[in-house]
Amino acid sequence: MAASLRPLFLAIIPLLMISSLIRSSEGEGVGFYWGQSLHDENLAEMCNNSMYRYAVLASLYLEGNRPVLNMDDKCNPSYPAGCAYLGHMIDFCKAQGIKVLLSLGGRPDLSSDDAHNVAEYIWNNFLSNNSGPGPLNATVDGIDFRIQSGSNQSLDVLAQALRNYSTPERKVYLSAAPLCQIPDYYLDDAIKTGVFDHVWVQFFGDPSCKFYPPIWIAWYCYLDKYNTTLSLGITRNPDTDGFIPCDDLFTRTFFVVQFPKFGTLMVFEGKYECNFSSGVLLASGKKSMNKFSAID
């Protein structure tokens, strides 16, 4: 009897997995980083895809205590209005229901006073129109912390100062992109403030950051007391340590979406297309259903 049911069981498993992915991902959506590569697609074209719910623009560099917009691959912020053309694309993305964040990078070296000053600068120039249209000629919805060099001092103060700009009428979204090791040297104190809405862990770029269930469970436990979602940061670059090929992505993601805090897939190097019909997950593509989708 058991042997006769085995073929039926094997046939049902993929359907149950797909159903679970779709149910557990309502209201979220795949995210992507934009501005890191000359090969990035047009921002508005990427946002014209119902798969996506987050777009993170790279990036605002912290050079010591000085924030400097660094998007030379896309525009030249050193010229007046050199990045203003991005404004209509950012507004288009937001009109599609996509949350647009500006990523912080560089080599910070902040005192507590510096952190408050940087937060005020970001608010005035990127999160509000207090100082005019701003370098991007549009406002963003929030700030992403992707710090991998410099000092780790006062990044927690900066995160809390940015959160303090949130109001019931206007929320400032905050995200963090730590490396997979716990604790992350640069972002640990900031994450422990509990102010981040999303934490997308980078499971690539380091031989120790290949995705395995124990690492995910460790992150889940680490974030359990915070009101944040935990997302799987992936890369489409097959030459990068930790790259997850399509054949593995579906089964690995099926494991992570069982966790209540699971948020989304965050793609760090553009689109990542995997066909559901071949038994793997679609993280980007022409046809989509809210967050994950099957290709007909």
Protein backbone atom coordinates (compact mmCIF):
# COMPACT_ATOMS: atom_id res chain seq x y z
CA MET A 1 0.00 0.00 0.00
CA ALA A 2 2.73 2.46 1.00
CA ALA A 3 4.70 1.65 -2.14
CA SER A 4 1.64 2.25 -4.34
CA LEU A 5 1.13 5.71 -2.82
CA ARG A 6 4.73 6.78 -3.34
CA PRO A 7 4.28 8.03 -6.97
CA LEU A 8 1.23 10.05 -5.91
CA PHE A 9 3.12 11.50 -2.95
CA LEU A 10 6.06 12.51 -5.14
CA ALA A 11 3.72 14.16 -7.62
CA ILE A 12 1.93 16.19 -4.92
CA ILE A 13 5.06 17.50 -3.19
CA PRO A 14 5.93 20.13 -5.86
CA LEU A 15 2.33 21.43 -5.81
CA LEU A 16 2.39 21.74 -2.04
CA MET A 17 5.72 23.54 -2.19
CA ILE A 18 4.50 26.05 -4.77
CA SER A 19 1.31 26.63 -2.79
CA SER A 20 3.32 27.24 0.37
CA LEU A 21 5.60 29.72 -1.37
CA ILE A 22 2.71 31.75 -2.72
CA ARG A 23 0.69 31.74 0.51
CA SER A 24 3.59 32.66 2.73
CA SER A 25 4.75 35.52 0.55
CA GLU A 26 1.62 37.60 0.23
CA GLY A 27 2.28 41.29 0.61
CA GLU A 28 6.06 41.07 0.34
CA GLY A 29 7.89 40.73 -2.97
CA VAL A 30 11.33 40.28 -4.43
CA GLY A 31 13.81 43.10 -3.99
CA PHE A 32 16.82 44.16 -6.02
CA TYR A 33 19.85 46.42 -5.75
CA TRP A 34 20.34 48.89 -8.59
CA GLY A 35 23.24 51.17 -9.46
CA GLN A 36 26.15 48.83 -8.82
CA SER A 37 26.81 47.77 -12.37
CA LEU A 38 26.98 49.18 -15.88
CA HIS A 39 24.90 46.19 -16.90
CA ASP A 40 21.88 47.12 -14.78
CA GLU A 41 18.66 47.47 -16.72
CA ASN A 42 16.77 50.73 -16.83
CA LEU A 43 15.35 51.31 -13.34
CA ALA A 44 11.84 52.11 -14.54
CA GLU A 45 11.79 48.99 -16.73
CA MET A 46 12.73 46.81 -13.77
CA CYS A 47 10.04 48.44 -11.64
CA ASN A 48 7.49 47.73 -14.35
CA ASN A 49 7.31 44.16 -13.07
CA SER A 50 4.81 43.15 -10.43
CA MET A 51 7.32 40.69 -9.01
CA TYR A 52 9.25 43.45 -7.28
CA ARG A 53 8.39 45.21 -4.03
CA TYR A 54 11.75 46.72 -3.06
CA ALA A 55 14.36 48.65 -5.03
CA VAL A 56 17.58 49.65 -3.27
CA LEU A 57 19.67 52.33 -4.96
CA ALA A 58 23.43 52.05 -4.51
CA SER A 59 24.63 54.13 -2.96
CA LEU A 60 25.31 56.94 -0.52
CA TYR A 61 28.90 56.56 0.65
CA LEU A 62 29.97 57.57 4.12
CA GLU A 63 33.53 58.87 3.85
CA GLY A 64 34.33 59.24 7.52
CA ASN A 65 31.54 61.52 8.73
CA ARG A 66 30.75 62.91 5.28
CA PRO A 67 27.96 61.41 3.13
CA VAL A 68 28.73 61.47 -0.61
CA LEU A 69 26.38 60.21 -3.33
CA ASN A 70 28.32 57.67 -5.40
CA MET A 71 26.43 56.60 -8.51
CA ASP A 72 29.05 57.26 -11.16
CA ASP A 73 27.92 54.25 -13.19
CA LYS A 74 24.48 55.84 -13.56
CA CYS A 75 25.00 59.58 -13.15
CA ASN A 76 27.55 62.14 -12.02
CA PRO A 77 26.46 63.72 -8.74
CA SER A 78 29.41 66.12 -8.84
CA TYR A 79 27.58 68.14 -11.51
CA PRO A 80 24.51 70.24 -10.60
CA ALA A 81 21.43 68.13 -11.24
CA GLY A 82 23.74 65.37 -12.51
CA CYS A 83 21.44 62.66 -11.12
CA ALA A 84 18.16 64.53 -11.46
CA TYR A 85 17.03 62.35 -14.37
CA LEU A 86 16.60 59.49 -11.90
CA GLY A 87 13.75 61.34 -10.20
CA HIS A 88 11.02 60.37 -12.65
CA MET A 89 12.12 56.71 -12.53
CA ILE A 90 12.09 56.70 -8.72
CA ASP A 91 8.62 58.24 -8.74
CA PHE A 92 7.50 55.63 -11.27
CA CYS A 93 8.77 52.81 -9.05
CA LYS A 94 6.95 54.24 -6.05
CA ALA A 95 3.76 54.57 -8.10
CA GLN A 96 3.95 50.82 -8.76
CA GLY A 97 3.86 50.18 -5.02
CA ILE A 98 7.61 49.52 -4.81
CA LYS A 99 9.45 50.80 -1.76
CA VAL A 100 12.59 52.61 -2.90
CA LEU A 101 15.49 52.74 -0.45
CA LEU A 102 18.90 54.39 -0.67
CA SER A 103 21.79 52.18 0.42
CA LEU A 104 24.55 53.40 2.74
CA GLY A 105 28.05 52.16 2.02
CA GLY A 106 31.61 53.41 2.19
CA ARG A 107 33.92 53.72 5.19
CA PRO A 108 32.05 55.45 8.03
CA ASP A 109 33.79 56.90 11.05
CA LEU A 110 31.06 58.50 13.13
CA SER A 111 30.77 60.01 16.56
CA SER A 112 27.34 60.22 18.13
CA ASP A 113 27.04 63.88 17.05
CA ASP A 114 28.18 62.93 13.53
CA ALA A 115 25.47 60.27 13.34
CA HIS A 116 22.74 62.80 14.17
CA ASN A 117 24.15 65.24 11.62
CA VAL A 118 24.26 62.56 8.91
CA ALA A 119 20.69 61.53 9.72
CA GLU A 120 19.56 65.15 9.38
CA TYR A 121 21.38 65.48 6.05
CA ILE A 122 19.77 62.29 4.73
CA TRP A 123 16.33 63.43 5.87
CA ASN A 124 16.66 66.85 4.25
CA ASN A 125 18.14 65.66 0.97
CA PHE A 126 16.71 62.20 0.29
CA LEU A 127 13.75 61.45 2.56
CA SER A 128 11.99 64.82 2.39
CA ASN A 129 11.88 67.96 0.28
CA ASN A 130 13.03 70.20 3.12
CA SER A 131 16.07 71.32 1.15
CA GLY A 132 14.44 71.36 -2.27
CA PRO A 133 14.18 68.46 -4.73
CA GLY A 134 17.47 66.88 -3.59
CA PRO A 135 20.26 65.22 -5.60
CA LEU A 136 17.94 62.50 -6.94
CA ASN A 137 15.12 64.92 -7.78
CA ALA A 138 12.81 62.64 -5.79
CA THR A 139 12.42 61.31 -2.29
CA VAL A 140 13.05 57.72 -1.29
CA ASP A 141 11.05 55.66 1.20
CA GLY A 142 13.91 54.64 3.42
CA ILE A 143 17.56 53.82 4.01
CA ASP A 144 19.45 50.54 3.71
CA PHE A 145 22.59 49.83 5.76
CA ARG A 146 25.16 47.85 3.81
CA ILE A 147 28.39 48.68 5.62
CA GLN A 148 31.38 46.39 5.08
CA SER A 149 34.34 48.61 5.93
CA GLY A 150 35.36 51.54 8.09
CA SER A 151 34.32 51.89 11.72
CA ASN A 152 31.29 50.29 13.35
CA GLN A 153 30.91 53.09 15.87
CA SER A 154 27.60 55.00 16.18
CA LEU A 155 25.85 53.18 13.33
CA ASP A 156 23.25 52.25 15.94
CA VAL A 157 22.83 55.94 16.75
CA LEU A 158 22.41 56.71 13.05
CA ALA A 159 19.75 54.02 12.64
CA GLN A 160 17.78 55.27 15.65
CA ALA A 161 18.09 58.89 14.51
CA LEU A 162 16.66 57.97 11.10
CA ARG A 163 13.83 55.99 12.71
CA ASN A 164 12.93 59.06 14.76
CA TYR A 165 11.90 60.81 11.55
CA SER A 166 9.03 58.35 11.13
CA THR A 167 5.56 59.65 11.87
CA PRO A 168 2.11 58.05 11.71
CA GLU A 169 1.66 59.82 8.37
CA ARG A 170 5.08 58.99 6.93
CA LYS A 171 7.13 55.94 7.80
CA VAL A 172 10.87 55.87 7.18
CA TYR A 173 11.72 52.30 6.18
CA LEU A 174 15.04 50.88 7.37
CA SER A 175 16.83 47.76 6.23
CA ALA A 176 20.17 46.11 6.95
CA ALA A 177 22.27 43.83 4.76
CA PRO A 178 24.72 42.02 7.04
CA LEU A 179 27.09 39.25 6.01
CA CYS A 180 26.04 35.78 7.07
CA GLN A 181 28.25 35.46 10.15
CA ILE A 182 26.64 36.28 13.50
CA PRO A 183 27.35 38.80 14.82
CA ASP A 184 28.05 41.03 11.84
CA TYR A 185 31.00 43.22 12.87
CA TYR A 186 29.63 46.42 11.38
CA LEU A 187 25.87 46.11 11.82
CA ASP A 188 25.38 44.07 14.98
CA ASP A 189 24.84 47.04 17.32
CA ALA A 190 22.56 48.73 14.79
CA ILE A 191 20.44 45.59 14.30
CA LYS A 192 20.11 45.18 18.06
CA THR A 193 18.34 48.54 18.28
CA GLY A 194 15.34 46.73 16.80
CA VAL A 195 14.53 49.59 14.43
CA PHE A 196 15.02 47.71 11.14
CA ASP A 197 11.99 46.62 9.16
CA HIS A 198 13.98 44.20 7.04
CA VAL A 199 17.23 42.29 7.39
CA TRP A 200 18.40 40.68 4.17
CA VAL A 201 21.36 38.46 4.95
CA GLN A 202 24.05 38.14 2.28
CA PHE A 203 24.52 34.41 1.74
CA PHE A 204 27.29 34.89 -0.81
CA GLY A 205 30.68 36.50 -1.33
CA ASP A 206 32.48 34.35 1.24
CA PRO A 207 33.11 30.58 1.33
CA SER A 208 31.54 30.48 4.80
CA CYS A 209 28.37 32.17 3.55
CA LYS A 210 26.98 29.37 1.43
CA PHE A 211 23.36 28.89 2.43
CA TYR A 212 22.67 26.01 4.81
CA PRO A 213 19.62 25.52 7.06
CA PRO A 214 21.61 25.86 10.32
CA ILE A 215 22.76 29.35 9.29
CA TRP A 216 19.18 30.38 8.52
CA ILE A 217 17.94 28.99 11.84
CA ALA A 218 20.67 30.88 13.67
CA TRP A 219 19.59 34.14 12.03
CA TYR A 220 15.96 33.39 12.77
CA CYS A 221 16.73 32.91 16.46
CA TYR A 222 18.94 36.01 16.49
CA LEU A 223 16.13 38.20 15.13
CA ASP A 224 13.26 36.48 16.91
CA LYS A 225 12.68 39.22 19.49
CA TYR A 226 12.72 42.04 16.93
CA ASN A 227 9.84 43.20 14.77
CA THR A 228 11.65 42.62 11.51
CA THR A 229 11.49 40.29 8.53
CA LEU A 230 14.37 38.01 7.59
CA SER A 231 15.19 37.76 3.90
CA LEU A 232 17.50 35.63 1.80
CA GLY A 233 20.14 37.72 0.06
CA ILE A 234 21.29 36.03 -3.14
CA THR A 235 23.45 36.87 -6.14
CA ARG A 236 23.08 35.92 -9.78
CA ASN A 237 26.87 35.89 -10.26
CA PRO A 238 27.95 32.23 -10.64
CA ASP A 239 31.56 33.19 -9.94
CA THR A 240 30.70 34.38 -6.43
CA ASP A 241 31.05 32.13 -3.39
CA GLY A 242 27.59 31.28 -2.11
CA PHE A 243 25.82 31.52 -5.50
CA ILE A 244 22.70 29.32 -5.48
CA PRO A 245 21.90 27.80 -8.89
CA CYS A 246 18.28 27.48 -9.99
CA ASP A 247 18.28 23.74 -9.41
CA ASP A 248 18.89 24.34 -5.71
CA LEU A 249 17.06 27.63 -5.17
CA PHE A 250 13.55 26.18 -5.10
CA THR A 251 14.22 23.49 -2.51
CA ARG A 252 16.29 25.77 -0.30
CA THR A 253 13.70 28.53 -0.42
CA PHE A 254 10.95 26.05 0.40
CA PHE A 255 12.71 25.52 3.70
CA VAL A 256 13.08 29.20 4.58
CA VAL A 257 9.53 30.27 3.73
CA GLN A 258 8.19 28.01 6.46
CA PHE A 259 9.49 30.54 9.00
CA PRO A 260 7.00 33.28 9.98
CA LYS A 261 9.61 36.02 9.72
CA PHE A 262 10.51 35.17 6.13
CA GLY A 263 10.25 38.32 4.03
CA THR A 264 11.57 37.97 0.52
CA LEU A 265 14.44 37.22 -1.78
CA MET A 266 16.86 40.13 -2.14
CA VAL A 267 18.87 40.06 -5.35
CA PHE A 268 22.17 41.90 -5.12
CA GLU A 269 23.24 41.81 -8.76
CA GLY A 270 20.21 42.39 -10.94
CA LYS A 271 17.62 39.92 -12.14
CA TYR A 272 17.66 36.27 -11.13
CA GLU A 273 15.39 34.11 -13.28
CA CYS A 274 14.47 30.58 -12.35
CA ASN A 275 11.62 28.68 -13.96
CA PHE A 276 8.98 27.25 -11.63
CA SER A 277 7.82 24.76 -14.24
CA SER A 278 11.18 22.98 -14.00
CA GLY A 279 10.79 22.70 -10.24
CA VAL A 280 12.62 25.80 -9.13
CA LEU A 281 11.76 29.24 -7.87
CA LEU A 282 11.23 32.34 -9.97
CA ALA A 283 12.91 35.31 -8.37
CA SER A 284 12.42 37.59 -11.36
CA GLY A 285 10.75 37.39 -14.71
CA LYS A 286 8.20 38.56 -17.26
CA LYS A 287 5.16 37.02 -15.57
CA SER A 288 4.56 37.06 -11.85
CA MET A 289 2.05 36.72 -9.03
CA ASN A 290 2.74 39.30 -6.35
CA LYS A 291 5.97 37.81 -5.00
CA PHE A 292 6.62 34.40 -6.52
CA SER A 293 5.15 33.06 -9.70
CA ALA A 294 5.00 30.10 -12.00
CA ILE A 295 5.80 30.56 -15.68
CA ASP A 296 3.13 29.13 -17.96
